[in-house]
Amino acid sequence: MEPKTQSESRSSMSVNQPLVEIFGTKEDSEALVVQGLLDSAGIESVLVSLDAPQEILPGVGGVVLRVAPEKAEEARQLIKEYRTEAEPAPDDDAAEDVSGPAA
């Protein structure tokens, strides 16, 4: 599934309605995952690139997702829940002894 561009996504949203920025990242792939999460919940979003000329402003830029104002809180909550579920749980066995077999 191709990501929606601003003009494609806004066609079904009210043209006169300002959109609200609900998520930002430097990684396109992360933005696409979040957009997919929103799409699966029935929340339309617009992916907007904030790229800056790298020869003038190196490291500046990124991607933001915008939604209709009435969907902003629902979208933020969905992203928050997803991030909470995606965090690895603390694992007590993670500190295994890697010094080798006992002699």
Protein backbone atom coordinates (compact mmCIF):
# COMPACT_ATOMS: atom_id res chain seq x y z
CA MET A 1 0.00 0.00 0.00
CA GLU A 2 1.45 3.32 -1.05
CA PRO A 3 1.56 6.12 1.54
CA LYS A 4 -1.02 8.81 1.06
CA THR A 5 0.30 12.12 -0.16
CA GLN A 6 -1.07 15.35 1.16
CA SER A 7 -3.28 15.94 -1.89
CA GLU A 8 -4.65 12.37 -1.91
CA SER A 9 -5.45 12.29 1.81
CA ARG A 10 -7.01 15.72 1.98
CA SER A 11 -9.45 14.89 -0.80
CA SER A 12 -11.70 13.05 1.66
CA MET A 13 -11.10 15.55 4.49
CA SER A 14 -12.69 18.95 4.53
CA VAL A 15 -10.54 21.33 2.49
CA ASN A 16 -11.35 24.26 4.79
CA GLN A 17 -10.52 22.34 7.94
CA PRO A 18 -7.03 22.90 9.38
CA LEU A 19 -5.18 19.71 10.22
CA VAL A 20 -3.47 19.05 13.53
CA GLU A 21 0.06 17.68 13.82
CA ILE A 22 -0.02 14.60 16.03
CA PHE A 23 3.29 12.84 15.35
CA GLY A 24 6.74 13.72 14.11
CA THR A 25 9.92 11.77 13.42
CA LYS A 26 13.14 11.94 11.43
CA GLU A 27 12.52 8.44 10.00
CA ASP A 28 10.17 7.93 7.05
CA SER A 29 9.73 4.26 7.97
CA GLU A 30 8.56 5.10 11.50
CA ALA A 31 6.04 7.61 10.12
CA LEU A 32 4.70 4.99 7.69
CA VAL A 33 4.23 2.48 10.52
CA VAL A 34 2.31 5.04 12.57
CA GLN A 35 0.25 6.05 9.54
CA GLY A 36 -0.62 2.39 9.02
CA LEU A 37 -1.66 2.14 12.67
CA LEU A 38 -3.95 5.15 12.26
CA ASP A 39 -5.35 3.83 8.97
CA SER A 40 -6.19 0.49 10.59
CA ALA A 41 -8.15 2.38 13.25
CA GLY A 42 -10.05 4.30 10.57
CA ILE A 43 -8.26 7.59 11.19
CA GLU A 44 -7.26 9.38 7.99
CA SER A 45 -3.89 11.11 8.12
CA VAL A 46 -1.63 13.19 5.94
CA LEU A 47 2.09 12.50 5.74
CA VAL A 48 4.05 15.73 5.31
CA SER A 49 7.78 15.87 4.60
CA LEU A 50 9.73 18.61 6.34
CA ASP A 51 12.90 18.11 4.34
CA ALA A 52 15.33 20.97 4.27
CA PRO A 53 18.21 21.41 1.84
CA GLN A 54 20.92 19.28 3.44
CA GLU A 55 23.75 21.43 2.08
CA ILE A 56 22.28 24.43 3.91
CA LEU A 57 20.68 22.82 6.97
CA PRO A 58 22.26 19.38 7.51
CA GLY A 59 20.26 17.09 9.77
CA VAL A 60 17.16 19.29 9.66
CA GLY A 61 13.92 17.87 8.45
CA GLY A 62 11.74 14.90 9.11
CA VAL A 63 8.18 13.77 8.62
CA VAL A 64 4.98 14.69 10.45
CA LEU A 65 1.52 13.18 10.46
CA ARG A 66 -1.52 15.43 10.58
CA VAL A 67 -5.15 14.52 11.21
CA ALA A 68 -8.50 16.28 11.45
CA PRO A 69 -8.84 18.13 14.80
CA GLU A 70 -11.71 15.92 15.97
CA LYS A 71 -9.51 12.83 15.53
CA ALA A 72 -6.33 14.27 17.10
CA GLU A 73 -6.86 13.09 20.67
CA GLU A 74 -7.94 9.61 19.54
CA ALA A 75 -4.87 9.39 17.29
CA ARG A 76 -2.49 10.52 20.04
CA GLN A 77 -3.99 7.98 22.46
CA LEU A 78 -3.65 5.20 19.89
CA ILE A 79 0.02 6.06 19.30
CA LYS A 80 0.67 6.23 23.05
CA GLU A 81 -0.92 2.79 23.60
CA TYR A 82 1.05 1.33 20.70
CA ARG A 83 4.33 2.67 22.08
CA THR A 84 3.54 1.30 25.55
CA GLU A 85 2.81 -2.16 24.13
CA ALA A 86 5.89 -2.08 21.88
CA GLU A 87 8.35 -1.33 24.71
CA PRO A 88 10.30 -4.42 25.75
CA ALA A 89 9.48 -5.64 29.23
CA PRO A 90 12.31 -5.73 31.77
CA ASP A 91 13.84 -9.19 31.76
CA ASP A 92 15.59 -10.52 34.85
CA ASP A 93 17.34 -13.20 32.77
CA ALA A 94 18.94 -10.56 30.52
CA ALA A 95 21.99 -10.37 32.78
CA GLU A 96 23.24 -13.88 32.03
CA ASP A 97 26.75 -14.86 33.01
CA VAL A 98 28.71 -14.74 29.75
CA SER A 99 32.08 -15.48 31.32
CA GLY A 100 32.00 -19.03 29.99
CA PRO A 101 31.68 -22.48 31.59
CA ALA A 102 32.80 -22.92 35.16
CA ALA A 103 36.13 -24.71 35.54
